[in-house]
């Protein structure tokens, strides 16, 4: 049995498809209101804030994937993520289940230095602090040998379906809708984006590779380096239309944050768009050389054609 905790989002749905396609049909989906992706999927409605309910959801699982996403709300993150992680760790320890944790890069330094699996945590802001806290909770147990687990870390998303990110909503979705894309802070810094189906496929592969455990893995991205301006140029070539963008300065986001909670919550992440963001996934590429990563041109062609 392989169990997906937090089964409602795009990453979890793609993960479920990949597990079913290549690894097992014995899949359990767990969330507040889980929905089947395949007819054979087992559904368990569960609140992961409830330790007893989490324990029951994990029972009988060989591998557990923690893919929970929450709205961009610092207070909600502080309230829920640590408890969810603690409950999941305890349940996996009790039932001798392997744990695969889907993580992000918020806790990394806000610099242009390349990010590897060895990059130290330098959290700035409430959301970054929570992400560092829950990753450290799991790393501590991994180092103590109390759980067999692996961390799969991804940079900012772009992709199809329900994929949510600032880049998807402000740039690519707007291009597809025939609107002017809005670039945060700087259109000429190098970006690192992961195609969400690639992230899910890679996580399934890592979860079903016994010697991958006990480590952190950066999930694979196109290692060609592009700026937003480069990507907008590619979008122009794909659509056959000249796409003109608008770069929004920091002060405009601050002004918007006075009236919009969503813009205010995004403010913590904005400094990351001021300089290059270099996410290095070469460790994964070297270990899994046959894995086919989606190029930015392929991903944009898919996004803008559907």
Protein backbone atom coordinates (compact mmCIF):
# COMPACT_ATOMS: atom_id res chain seq x y z
CA UNK A 1 0.00 0.00 0.00
CA UNK A 2 1.27 3.46 -0.95
CA UNK A 3 -0.53 6.38 0.67
CA UNK A 4 -0.75 10.01 -0.40
CA UNK A 5 -1.44 12.46 2.42
CA UNK A 6 -2.88 15.70 1.10
CA UNK A 7 -4.30 14.20 -2.08
CA UNK A 8 -6.21 17.18 -3.48
CA UNK A 9 -3.53 19.23 -5.23
CA UNK A 10 -1.86 19.01 -8.63
CA UNK A 11 1.34 17.43 -7.30
CA UNK A 12 -0.62 14.72 -5.47
CA UNK A 13 -2.85 13.95 -8.45
CA UNK A 14 0.11 13.61 -10.81
CA UNK A 15 1.89 11.49 -8.19
CA UNK A 16 -1.12 9.19 -7.93
CA UNK A 17 -1.19 8.74 -11.71
CA UNK A 18 2.51 7.94 -11.81
CA UNK A 19 2.30 5.43 -8.95
CA UNK A 20 -0.62 3.69 -10.67
CA UNK A 21 1.13 3.76 -14.06
CA UNK A 22 4.49 2.36 -12.99
CA UNK A 23 4.56 1.09 -9.41
CA UNK A 24 1.30 -0.09 -7.77
CA UNK A 25 -2.48 -0.06 -8.02
CA UNK A 26 -2.73 -0.36 -4.24
CA UNK A 27 -3.06 3.38 -3.53
CA UNK A 28 -4.73 5.19 -0.63
CA UNK A 29 -5.72 8.86 -0.97
CA UNK A 30 -6.05 10.88 2.22
CA UNK A 31 -7.39 14.42 2.66
CA UNK A 32 -10.43 16.13 4.13
CA UNK A 33 -12.45 15.31 1.00
CA UNK A 34 -10.44 12.87 -1.14
CA UNK A 35 -11.52 12.02 -4.69
CA UNK A 36 -10.54 9.03 -6.77
CA UNK A 37 -8.06 9.41 -9.59
CA UNK A 38 -8.45 5.72 -10.51
CA UNK A 39 -11.30 3.34 -9.79
CA UNK A 40 -9.06 1.21 -7.56
CA UNK A 41 -7.99 4.09 -5.30
CA UNK A 42 -8.92 3.77 -1.63
CA UNK A 43 -10.29 6.97 -0.06
CA UNK A 44 -9.90 7.95 3.61
CA UNK A 45 -11.31 11.34 4.65
CA UNK A 46 -8.94 12.59 7.34
CA UNK A 47 -7.91 15.77 9.14
CA UNK A 48 -4.12 15.51 9.51
CA UNK A 49 -4.33 17.82 12.53
CA UNK A 50 -5.88 14.84 14.32
CA UNK A 51 -3.12 12.49 15.50
CA UNK A 52 -5.42 9.47 15.92
CA UNK A 53 -7.01 9.96 12.49
CA UNK A 54 -3.58 10.35 10.89
CA UNK A 55 -2.43 7.15 12.58
CA UNK A 56 -5.39 5.24 11.13
CA UNK A 57 -4.82 6.71 7.66
CA UNK A 58 -1.18 5.59 7.66
CA UNK A 59 -1.76 2.11 9.12
CA UNK A 60 -0.85 -0.62 6.64
CA UNK A 61 1.14 1.68 4.36
CA UNK A 62 4.51 0.65 3.00
CA UNK A 63 5.27 4.16 1.69
CA UNK A 64 3.62 7.44 2.70
CA UNK A 65 3.90 10.63 0.66
CA UNK A 66 3.33 13.90 2.54
CA UNK A 67 2.22 16.40 -0.12
CA UNK A 68 -0.04 18.70 1.89
CA UNK A 69 -0.44 22.24 0.60
CA UNK A 70 -2.03 25.14 2.45
CA UNK A 71 -3.21 28.58 1.29
CA UNK A 72 -0.58 31.34 1.42
CA UNK A 73 -1.43 32.38 4.96
CA UNK A 74 1.38 32.67 7.50
CA UNK A 75 -0.84 32.15 10.51
CA UNK A 76 -2.38 29.03 9.02
CA UNK A 77 1.06 27.64 8.22
CA UNK A 78 2.29 28.24 11.77
CA UNK A 79 -0.82 26.62 13.20
CA UNK A 80 -1.01 23.55 11.00
CA UNK A 81 2.20 22.49 9.29
CA UNK A 82 4.23 21.57 12.43
CA UNK A 83 1.35 19.53 13.87
CA UNK A 84 0.72 17.75 10.57
CA UNK A 85 4.40 16.87 10.29
CA UNK A 86 4.58 15.64 13.89
CA UNK A 87 1.46 13.49 13.44
CA UNK A 88 2.77 12.03 10.18
CA UNK A 89 6.19 11.22 11.62
CA UNK A 90 4.63 9.52 14.66
CA UNK A 91 2.27 7.46 12.52
CA UNK A 92 5.03 6.33 10.15
CA UNK A 93 7.27 5.40 13.08
CA UNK A 94 4.48 3.38 14.70
CA UNK A 95 3.57 1.49 11.53
CA UNK A 96 7.11 1.17 10.13
CA UNK A 97 6.12 3.08 7.00
CA UNK A 98 8.62 4.89 4.81
CA UNK A 99 8.00 8.64 4.49
CA UNK A 100 8.52 10.76 1.38
CA UNK A 101 8.20 14.48 2.15
CA UNK A 102 7.53 16.95 -0.66
CA UNK A 103 9.32 20.16 0.33
CA UNK A 104 10.07 23.61 -1.08
CA UNK A 105 12.96 26.09 -1.01
CA UNK A 106 11.54 28.90 1.11
CA UNK A 107 14.13 28.33 3.85
CA UNK A 108 17.09 28.77 1.52
CA UNK A 109 19.09 32.04 1.50
CA UNK A 110 17.74 34.89 -0.61
CA UNK A 111 20.89 35.06 -2.72
CA UNK A 112 22.04 34.27 -6.24
CA UNK A 113 24.28 31.45 -5.01
CA UNK A 114 23.46 28.03 -6.53
CA UNK A 115 21.18 25.94 -4.31
CA UNK A 116 22.18 22.31 -3.71
CA UNK A 117 21.00 19.67 -1.28
CA UNK A 118 23.74 20.89 1.09
CA UNK A 119 22.57 24.51 1.13
CA UNK A 120 22.04 25.61 4.73
CA UNK A 121 18.74 27.00 5.92
CA UNK A 122 18.59 30.78 6.41
CA UNK A 123 14.85 31.41 6.84
CA UNK A 124 13.64 34.99 6.59
CA UNK A 125 9.94 35.57 7.18
CA UNK A 126 7.16 33.57 8.79
CA UNK A 127 6.49 31.11 5.99
CA UNK A 128 10.20 30.40 5.49
CA UNK A 129 10.60 29.82 9.23
CA UNK A 130 7.77 27.28 9.26
CA UNK A 131 9.23 25.42 6.28
CA UNK A 132 12.64 25.28 7.98
CA UNK A 133 11.00 24.05 11.17
CA UNK A 134 9.14 21.13 9.62
CA UNK A 135 12.07 20.08 7.42
CA UNK A 136 14.34 20.13 10.47
CA UNK A 137 11.81 18.07 12.46
CA UNK A 138 12.06 15.31 9.87
CA UNK A 139 15.83 15.62 9.36
CA UNK A 140 16.34 15.22 13.11
CA UNK A 141 14.43 11.94 13.15
CA UNK A 142 16.20 10.73 10.00
CA UNK A 143 19.60 11.43 11.53
CA UNK A 144 18.55 9.68 14.74
CA UNK A 145 17.55 6.61 12.73
CA UNK A 146 13.99 6.56 14.06
CA UNK A 147 12.36 6.75 10.62
CA UNK A 148 13.19 5.74 7.07
CA UNK A 149 12.44 8.89 5.10
CA UNK A 150 13.49 11.05 2.20
CA UNK A 151 13.00 14.74 1.39
CA UNK A 152 12.11 15.73 -2.17
CA UNK A 153 12.61 19.47 -2.64
CA UNK A 154 11.25 21.55 -5.51
CA UNK A 155 11.59 25.19 -6.60
CA UNK A 156 8.66 27.28 -7.82
CA UNK A 157 6.04 25.43 -9.88
CA UNK A 158 4.78 25.94 -13.37
CA UNK A 159 2.50 23.52 -15.12
CA UNK A 160 -0.97 22.41 -16.18
CA UNK A 161 -4.24 21.85 -14.37
CA UNK A 162 -4.50 23.17 -10.82
CA UNK A 163 -0.83 24.18 -10.61
CA UNK A 164 -0.58 27.26 -8.39
CA UNK A 165 2.33 29.68 -8.35
CA UNK A 166 3.06 33.36 -8.86
CA UNK A 167 4.71 32.57 -12.19
CA UNK A 168 1.78 30.53 -13.47
CA UNK A 169 -0.86 33.09 -12.48
CA UNK A 170 0.97 36.33 -13.26
CA UNK A 171 2.80 35.30 -16.43
CA UNK A 172 1.86 32.12 -18.26
CA UNK A 173 -1.88 32.08 -17.52
CA UNK A 174 -2.13 35.71 -18.56
CA UNK A 175 -0.29 35.03 -21.82
CA UNK A 176 -2.69 32.19 -22.55
CA UNK A 177 -5.64 34.47 -21.85
CA UNK A 178 -4.30 37.09 -24.25
CA UNK A 179 -3.38 39.45 -21.41
CA UNK A 180 -0.14 41.24 -20.70
CA UNK A 181 2.07 39.18 -18.36
CA UNK A 182 3.13 40.77 -15.09
CA UNK A 183 6.75 40.11 -14.05
CA UNK A 184 7.71 40.57 -10.38
CA UNK A 185 10.64 42.96 -9.81
CA UNK A 186 13.08 41.90 -12.55
CA UNK A 187 12.55 40.27 -15.97
CA UNK A 188 16.25 39.61 -16.54
CA UNK A 189 17.25 37.42 -13.60
CA UNK A 190 17.67 33.68 -14.15
CA UNK A 191 14.77 31.62 -12.83
CA UNK A 192 14.39 28.01 -11.68
CA UNK A 193 10.95 26.49 -12.29
CA UNK A 194 9.81 22.89 -12.08
CA UNK A 195 7.18 21.37 -14.37
CA UNK A 196 4.69 19.87 -11.90
CA UNK A 197 4.27 16.51 -13.69
CA UNK A 198 8.07 16.12 -13.60
CA UNK A 199 8.10 16.80 -9.86
CA UNK A 200 5.49 14.12 -9.24
CA UNK A 201 7.11 11.53 -11.52
CA UNK A 202 10.47 12.09 -9.85
CA UNK A 203 8.99 11.83 -6.37
CA UNK A 204 7.35 8.52 -7.21
CA UNK A 205 10.66 7.24 -8.57
CA UNK A 206 12.58 8.32 -5.46
CA UNK A 207 9.94 6.85 -3.16
CA UNK A 208 10.29 3.48 -4.89
CA UNK A 209 14.11 3.50 -4.92
CA UNK A 210 15.30 1.94 -1.64
CA UNK A 211 18.80 3.44 -1.68
CA UNK A 212 17.41 6.98 -2.17
CA UNK A 213 16.21 7.14 1.44
CA UNK A 214 18.04 8.93 4.23
CA UNK A 215 18.80 11.89 1.96
CA UNK A 216 17.49 15.13 0.51
CA UNK A 217 16.96 15.27 -3.26
CA UNK A 218 16.42 18.28 -5.47
CA UNK A 219 13.75 17.29 -7.96
CA UNK A 220 14.76 17.63 -11.63
CA UNK A 221 14.35 20.80 -13.66
CA UNK A 222 15.54 21.92 -17.08
CA UNK A 223 19.12 22.94 -16.28
CA UNK A 224 19.20 25.44 -19.15
CA UNK A 225 19.00 28.85 -17.52
CA UNK A 226 16.35 31.30 -18.67
CA UNK A 227 15.06 34.65 -17.52
CA UNK A 228 11.41 35.64 -17.56
CA UNK A 229 12.22 37.74 -20.61
CA UNK A 230 13.64 34.63 -22.32
CA UNK A 231 10.49 32.67 -21.48
CA UNK A 232 8.25 35.45 -22.75
CA UNK A 233 10.24 35.46 -25.99
CA UNK A 234 9.68 31.70 -26.29
CA UNK A 235 5.97 32.27 -25.62
CA UNK A 236 5.92 34.80 -28.47
CA UNK A 237 7.46 32.22 -30.79
CA UNK A 238 4.95 29.55 -29.71
CA UNK A 239 1.87 31.75 -30.05
CA UNK A 240 3.03 33.66 -33.09
CA UNK A 241 2.18 36.90 -31.32
CA UNK A 242 4.52 39.49 -29.87
CA UNK A 243 4.04 39.24 -26.11
CA UNK A 244 4.78 42.44 -24.23
CA UNK A 245 5.29 42.24 -20.49
CA UNK A 246 5.08 44.66 -17.59
CA UNK A 247 7.61 44.55 -14.75
CA UNK A 248 6.10 45.47 -11.38
CA UNK A 249 8.40 47.13 -8.81
CA UNK A 250 8.49 46.25 -5.12
CA UNK A 251 6.69 49.44 -4.08
CA UNK A 252 3.68 48.51 -6.20
CA UNK A 253 3.39 45.16 -4.41
CA UNK A 254 3.62 46.96 -1.05
CA UNK A 255 0.84 49.30 -2.12
CA UNK A 256 -1.29 46.37 -3.29
CA UNK A 257 -0.69 44.60 -0.01
CA UNK A 258 -2.51 47.38 1.82
CA UNK A 259 -5.80 46.23 0.29
CA UNK A 260 -5.14 42.62 -0.72
CA UNK A 261 -4.23 39.92 1.84
CA UNK A 262 -3.01 37.66 -0.99
CA UNK A 263 -0.58 40.29 -2.27
CA UNK A 264 0.54 40.99 1.29
CA UNK A 265 1.27 37.29 1.91
CA UNK A 266 3.25 37.09 -1.34
CA UNK A 267 5.45 39.96 -0.17
CA UNK A 268 7.70 37.63 1.82
CA UNK A 269 8.71 35.84 -1.37
CA UNK A 270 9.40 38.89 -3.55
CA UNK A 271 13.09 39.36 -2.63
CA UNK A 272 13.74 36.03 -4.33
CA UNK A 273 12.82 37.59 -7.67
CA UNK A 274 15.34 40.41 -7.37
CA UNK A 275 18.35 38.24 -8.24
CA UNK A 276 19.13 34.97 -10.02
CA UNK A 277 17.56 31.82 -8.60
CA UNK A 278 19.79 28.82 -9.40
CA UNK A 279 18.34 25.49 -8.26
CA UNK A 280 20.81 22.66 -8.91
CA UNK A 281 19.25 19.24 -9.55
CA UNK A 282 22.40 17.57 -10.89
CA UNK A 283 22.44 15.03 -8.03
CA UNK A 284 19.14 13.60 -9.29
CA UNK A 285 20.26 13.67 -12.92
CA UNK A 286 23.43 11.75 -12.10
CA UNK A 287 21.55 9.12 -10.08
CA UNK A 288 18.65 8.77 -12.56
CA UNK A 289 20.18 9.52 -15.98
CA UNK A 290 17.26 7.99 -17.91
CA UNK A 291 14.68 10.35 -16.40
CA UNK A 292 13.32 12.65 -19.11
CA UNK A 293 12.93 16.21 -17.85
CA UNK A 294 10.53 18.56 -19.60
CA UNK A 295 12.30 21.55 -21.17
CA UNK A 296 10.90 25.04 -20.68
CA UNK A 297 10.04 25.21 -24.37
CA UNK A 298 8.15 21.89 -24.14
CA UNK A 299 6.33 22.98 -21.01
CA UNK A 300 5.33 26.35 -22.43
CA UNK A 301 4.22 24.73 -25.67
CA UNK A 302 1.90 22.50 -23.66
CA UNK A 303 0.60 25.32 -21.47
CA UNK A 304 -0.10 27.71 -24.31
CA UNK A 305 -1.59 25.12 -26.67
CA UNK A 306 -4.34 23.76 -24.40
